[in-house]
Amino acid sequence: MLFDTHVHLNADQFEDDVVEVINRAKENGIEWMTVVGFDRPTIKKAMELAETYEFIYASVGWHPVDAIDMTDEDLSWIEELASHPKVVAIGETGLDYYWDKSPKAVQKEVFKKQIQLAKRVDLPIVIHNRDATQDVVDILREENASDVGGIMHCYGGSVEIAKECIDMNFMISLGGPVTFKNAKKPKEVAAEIPLEHLLIETDAPFLAPHPYRGKRNEPSYVKLVAEQIAELKGITVEEVGNQTTKNAKKIFKI
């Protein structure tokens, strides 16, 4: 019983075989998935998938890399979609200082607007963070994001920051990097953060776990993430699957 809490089946990489990929996931014990939309085309595809498959849900938001492109109309559209019964979160949103397409000030403004939106519609927030940890944490605190909480998607930070996020009502989601040989921080987080605060994800088609690193990721591989966490904690894969699924259903209100 596994829940891939963050997957991009709406990406172009799955255009030719999305049905086969979904079937493979089901065959490998992945019983639920949340497809994350982050701009107009990917949000539309996420909604289509959520409406087609009973076990697929959608998260809708605007990616920080493209923050400069977001209009007030886009924000209103996301807010309208938030009332759909299959929409379970707002995001992914956050800050990304690795790519420089959108100025930091614009990213921060768009991030804050989506936190405020999430609070209006009472949905959790899916956080994207790349090279911007302190600013992300500061904004979450300033905007009282703890009112709705959410998910630190594909978390790669320290145990200490993870605990700060947990204190703000956020789950810590681990993906493929926890399986990488030299991924010290994700492994420390997996070992030290209590299981009731953890989620698992693929972020497919990106960040495929070992031994598929560098290839197209897919939701069936989330089992490898669960296996790595189980090994690091000295517990069974079933325990990891059951608890992280329980956690996902709780945060998504499923």
Protein backbone atom coordinates (compact mmCIF):
# COMPACT_ATOMS: atom_id res chain seq x y z
CA MET A 1 0.00 0.00 0.00
CA LEU A 2 1.96 2.98 -1.32
CA PHE A 3 1.05 6.61 -2.13
CA ASP A 4 3.21 8.53 -4.61
CA THR A 5 2.46 11.99 -3.29
CA HIS A 6 4.19 13.96 -6.05
CA VAL A 7 4.32 12.81 -9.67
CA HIS A 8 4.20 14.57 -13.02
CA LEU A 9 2.26 12.13 -15.19
CA ASN A 10 1.21 15.33 -16.96
CA ALA A 11 4.76 15.80 -18.31
CA ASP A 12 5.60 15.43 -22.00
CA GLN A 13 7.84 12.45 -21.13
CA PHE A 14 4.69 10.38 -20.48
CA GLU A 15 2.73 11.55 -23.51
CA ASP A 16 3.05 8.24 -25.39
CA ASP A 17 2.62 5.69 -22.61
CA VAL A 18 0.89 7.23 -19.60
CA VAL A 19 -1.70 4.42 -19.42
CA GLU A 20 1.04 1.77 -19.33
CA VAL A 21 2.93 3.74 -16.66
CA ILE A 22 -0.20 4.00 -14.51
CA ASN A 23 -0.90 0.27 -14.91
CA ARG A 24 2.69 -0.57 -13.94
CA ALA A 25 2.33 1.54 -10.82
CA LYS A 26 -0.85 -0.29 -9.81
CA GLU A 27 0.83 -3.66 -10.42
CA ASN A 28 3.64 -2.61 -8.05
CA GLY A 29 1.35 -1.70 -5.17
CA ILE A 30 1.03 2.05 -5.74
CA GLU A 31 -2.61 2.57 -4.84
CA TRP A 32 -2.79 6.39 -4.88
CA MET A 33 -1.01 9.21 -6.69
CA THR A 34 -1.11 12.99 -6.65
CA VAL A 35 -0.32 14.56 -10.01
CA VAL A 36 1.11 18.04 -9.60
CA GLY A 37 0.35 20.85 -12.04
CA PHE A 38 2.52 23.97 -12.05
CA ASP A 39 1.43 26.03 -15.10
CA ARG A 40 -1.57 26.19 -17.44
CA PRO A 41 -0.83 23.10 -19.60
CA THR A 42 0.27 20.83 -16.72
CA ILE A 43 -2.64 21.87 -14.50
CA LYS A 44 -5.12 21.02 -17.27
CA LYS A 45 -3.52 17.58 -17.73
CA ALA A 46 -3.46 16.97 -13.98
CA MET A 47 -7.17 17.70 -13.79
CA GLU A 48 -7.89 15.39 -16.73
CA LEU A 49 -6.01 12.52 -15.09
CA ALA A 50 -7.68 13.11 -11.71
CA GLU A 51 -11.10 13.06 -13.36
CA THR A 52 -10.28 9.89 -15.33
CA TYR A 53 -8.80 7.75 -12.53
CA GLU A 54 -10.45 7.31 -9.15
CA PHE A 55 -7.09 6.79 -7.38
CA ILE A 56 -5.39 9.87 -8.88
CA TYR A 57 -5.66 13.29 -7.25
CA ALA A 58 -4.42 16.71 -8.37
CA SER A 59 -2.42 19.54 -6.85
CA VAL A 60 -2.62 22.88 -8.64
CA GLY A 61 -0.25 25.81 -8.37
CA TRP A 62 2.40 27.91 -10.09
CA HIS A 63 6.07 26.98 -10.19
CA PRO A 64 8.56 29.58 -8.88
CA VAL A 65 10.74 29.30 -12.00
CA ASP A 66 7.77 30.59 -14.01
CA ALA A 67 6.56 33.07 -11.40
CA ILE A 68 7.22 35.98 -13.77
CA ASP A 69 4.60 34.56 -16.15
CA MET A 70 1.76 34.20 -13.64
CA THR A 71 -1.15 36.61 -14.03
CA ASP A 72 -4.02 37.54 -11.71
CA GLU A 73 -6.24 35.48 -14.05
CA ASP A 74 -4.04 32.44 -13.46
CA LEU A 75 -4.32 32.87 -9.71
CA SER A 76 -8.11 33.21 -9.92
CA TRP A 77 -8.29 30.09 -12.08
CA ILE A 78 -6.27 28.09 -9.53
CA GLU A 79 -8.61 29.31 -6.80
CA GLU A 80 -11.64 28.18 -8.82
CA LEU A 81 -10.09 24.75 -9.38
CA ALA A 82 -9.42 24.42 -5.64
CA SER A 83 -13.10 23.66 -5.06
CA HIS A 84 -12.95 20.56 -7.29
CA PRO A 85 -13.33 17.39 -5.18
CA LYS A 86 -10.18 15.82 -6.66
CA VAL A 87 -7.95 18.83 -5.94
CA VAL A 88 -6.14 18.12 -2.67
CA ALA A 89 -3.41 20.79 -2.47
CA ILE A 90 -2.06 24.09 -3.77
CA GLY A 91 1.31 23.91 -5.48
CA GLU A 92 3.91 23.24 -6.29
CA THR A 93 4.93 26.71 -5.28
CA GLY A 94 7.91 28.10 -3.42
CA LEU A 95 11.29 29.53 -4.37
CA ASP A 96 13.96 28.41 -6.84
CA TYR A 97 17.21 30.35 -6.83
CA TYR A 98 19.04 27.83 -9.03
CA TRP A 99 17.35 28.95 -12.25
CA ASP A 100 17.21 32.72 -12.78
CA LYS A 101 14.22 33.08 -15.12
CA SER A 102 12.10 34.81 -12.47
CA PRO A 103 13.59 37.52 -10.18
CA LYS A 104 13.65 36.65 -6.48
CA ALA A 105 11.28 39.48 -5.59
CA VAL A 106 8.70 38.20 -8.10
CA GLN A 107 9.07 34.63 -6.85
CA LYS A 108 8.49 35.75 -3.27
CA GLU A 109 5.37 37.72 -4.21
CA VAL A 110 3.87 34.81 -6.17
CA PHE A 111 4.76 32.39 -3.36
CA LYS A 112 3.04 34.57 -0.77
CA LYS A 113 -0.07 34.94 -2.95
CA GLN A 114 -0.37 31.16 -3.22
CA ILE A 115 0.03 30.68 0.53
CA GLN A 116 -2.75 33.22 1.05
CA LEU A 117 -4.87 31.41 -1.54
CA ALA A 118 -4.27 28.05 0.18
CA LYS A 119 -5.46 29.55 3.46
CA ARG A 120 -8.61 30.94 1.78
CA VAL A 121 -9.53 27.55 0.31
CA ASP A 122 -8.23 25.55 3.30
CA LEU A 123 -5.87 23.29 1.35
CA PRO A 124 -2.30 22.25 2.18
CA ILE A 125 0.63 23.73 0.24
CA VAL A 126 3.19 21.76 -1.77
CA ILE A 127 6.56 23.48 -1.42
CA HIS A 128 9.29 23.54 -4.06
CA ASN A 129 12.61 24.73 -2.67
CA ARG A 130 15.90 24.92 -4.52
CA ASP A 131 18.82 26.84 -3.04
CA ALA A 132 16.39 29.06 -1.10
CA THR A 133 15.82 27.27 2.20
CA GLN A 134 16.01 30.16 4.64
CA ASP A 135 13.78 32.43 2.56
CA VAL A 136 11.23 29.61 2.14
CA VAL A 137 11.12 28.95 5.88
CA ASP A 138 10.94 32.67 6.69
CA ILE A 139 8.02 33.24 4.31
CA LEU A 140 6.12 30.20 5.58
CA ARG A 141 6.48 31.58 9.09
CA GLU A 142 5.61 35.19 8.15
CA GLU A 143 2.51 34.10 6.23
CA ASN A 144 1.33 31.74 9.01
CA ALA A 145 1.37 28.82 6.59
CA SER A 146 1.02 26.54 9.61
CA ASP A 147 -2.72 27.33 9.47
CA VAL A 148 -3.02 24.85 6.58
CA GLY A 149 0.37 23.10 6.62
CA GLY A 150 1.56 21.12 3.67
CA ILE A 151 4.45 19.19 2.18
CA MET A 152 8.15 19.94 1.81
CA HIS A 153 8.43 18.25 -1.59
CA CYS A 154 11.54 16.24 -2.44
CA TYR A 155 13.18 17.43 0.77
CA GLY A 156 16.96 17.74 0.63
CA GLY A 157 17.72 19.91 3.65
CA SER A 158 18.97 19.24 7.14
CA VAL A 159 17.29 17.42 10.00
CA GLU A 160 17.17 20.73 11.92
CA ILE A 161 15.28 22.57 9.16
CA ALA A 162 12.99 19.56 8.74
CA LYS A 163 12.05 19.87 12.41
CA GLU A 164 11.30 23.59 11.94
CA CYS A 165 8.99 22.70 9.04
CA ILE A 166 7.28 19.95 11.05
CA ASP A 167 6.64 22.54 13.78
CA MET A 168 4.80 24.56 11.11
CA ASN A 169 2.52 21.61 10.30
CA PHE A 170 4.46 20.40 7.25
CA MET A 171 5.20 16.82 6.20
CA ILE A 172 8.66 15.92 4.92
CA SER A 173 8.54 14.13 1.57
CA LEU A 174 11.48 12.02 0.39
CA GLY A 175 12.08 10.93 -3.18
CA GLY A 176 14.71 9.26 -5.33
CA PRO A 177 17.72 11.13 -3.88
CA VAL A 178 17.37 9.23 -0.56
CA THR A 179 18.59 6.17 -2.50
CA PHE A 180 21.68 7.92 -3.90
CA LYS A 181 24.93 6.63 -2.42
CA ASN A 182 26.30 10.05 -1.38
CA ALA A 183 22.99 11.71 -0.42
CA LYS A 184 23.94 12.31 3.20
CA LYS A 185 21.20 14.75 4.22
CA PRO A 186 18.16 12.83 2.87
CA LYS A 187 19.46 9.66 4.51
CA GLU A 188 19.89 11.46 7.85
CA VAL A 189 16.35 12.84 7.57
CA ALA A 190 14.96 9.39 6.72
CA ALA A 191 16.73 7.88 9.72
CA GLU A 192 16.02 10.59 12.29
CA ILE A 193 12.62 12.11 11.48
CA PRO A 194 9.75 10.04 12.96
CA LEU A 195 7.79 8.09 10.36
CA GLU A 196 4.55 9.90 11.22
CA HIS A 197 6.04 13.05 9.64
CA LEU A 198 7.30 11.46 6.41
CA LEU A 199 5.85 11.01 2.92
CA ILE A 200 7.25 9.28 -0.15
CA GLU A 201 7.24 10.50 -3.75
CA THR A 202 8.93 10.03 -7.11
CA ASP A 203 8.75 13.50 -8.72
CA ALA A 204 8.64 11.41 -11.91
CA PRO A 205 9.82 11.77 -14.62
CA PHE A 206 12.66 13.41 -12.69
CA LEU A 207 15.11 12.14 -10.04
CA ALA A 208 14.80 8.41 -10.62
CA PRO A 209 16.06 6.35 -7.67
CA HIS A 210 19.00 3.97 -7.77
CA PRO A 211 19.46 1.77 -9.85
CA TYR A 212 17.53 3.84 -12.44
CA ARG A 213 19.33 7.11 -11.75
CA GLY A 214 19.64 9.18 -14.91
CA LYS A 215 16.72 7.43 -16.61
CA ARG A 216 13.06 8.42 -16.78
CA ASN A 217 11.48 8.06 -13.36
CA GLU A 218 7.97 6.64 -12.94
CA PRO A 219 5.58 6.08 -10.01
CA SER A 220 6.24 2.32 -9.76
CA TYR A 221 9.74 3.24 -8.53
CA VAL A 222 8.37 4.84 -5.34
CA LYS A 223 8.68 1.37 -3.83
CA LEU A 224 12.49 1.81 -3.95
CA VAL A 225 12.16 4.98 -1.87
CA ALA A 226 10.07 3.12 0.70
CA GLU A 227 12.60 0.28 0.78
CA GLN A 228 15.48 2.69 1.44
CA ILE A 229 13.62 4.42 4.29
CA ALA A 230 12.74 1.02 5.78
CA GLU A 231 16.40 -0.03 5.65
CA LEU A 232 17.58 3.22 7.27
CA LYS A 233 14.99 2.93 10.04
CA GLY A 234 15.37 -0.81 10.57
CA ILE A 235 11.69 -1.49 9.96
CA THR A 236 9.64 -3.25 7.26
CA VAL A 237 8.63 -1.79 3.92
CA GLU A 238 5.03 -2.52 4.90
CA GLU A 239 5.37 -0.28 7.94
CA VAL A 240 6.77 2.53 5.80
CA GLY A 241 4.04 2.08 3.20
CA ASN A 242 1.20 1.95 5.67
CA GLN A 243 2.30 4.96 7.72
CA THR A 244 3.30 7.22 4.82
CA THR A 245 -0.01 6.42 3.10
CA LYS A 246 -1.86 7.25 6.32
CA ASN A 247 0.12 10.51 6.50
CA ALA A 248 -0.70 11.39 2.89
CA LYS A 249 -4.40 10.75 3.34
CA LYS A 250 -4.37 12.93 6.44
CA ILE A 251 -2.61 15.92 4.85
CA PHE A 252 -4.68 15.63 1.64
CA LYS A 253 -7.93 15.03 3.59
CA ILE A 254 -8.74 11.91 1.58
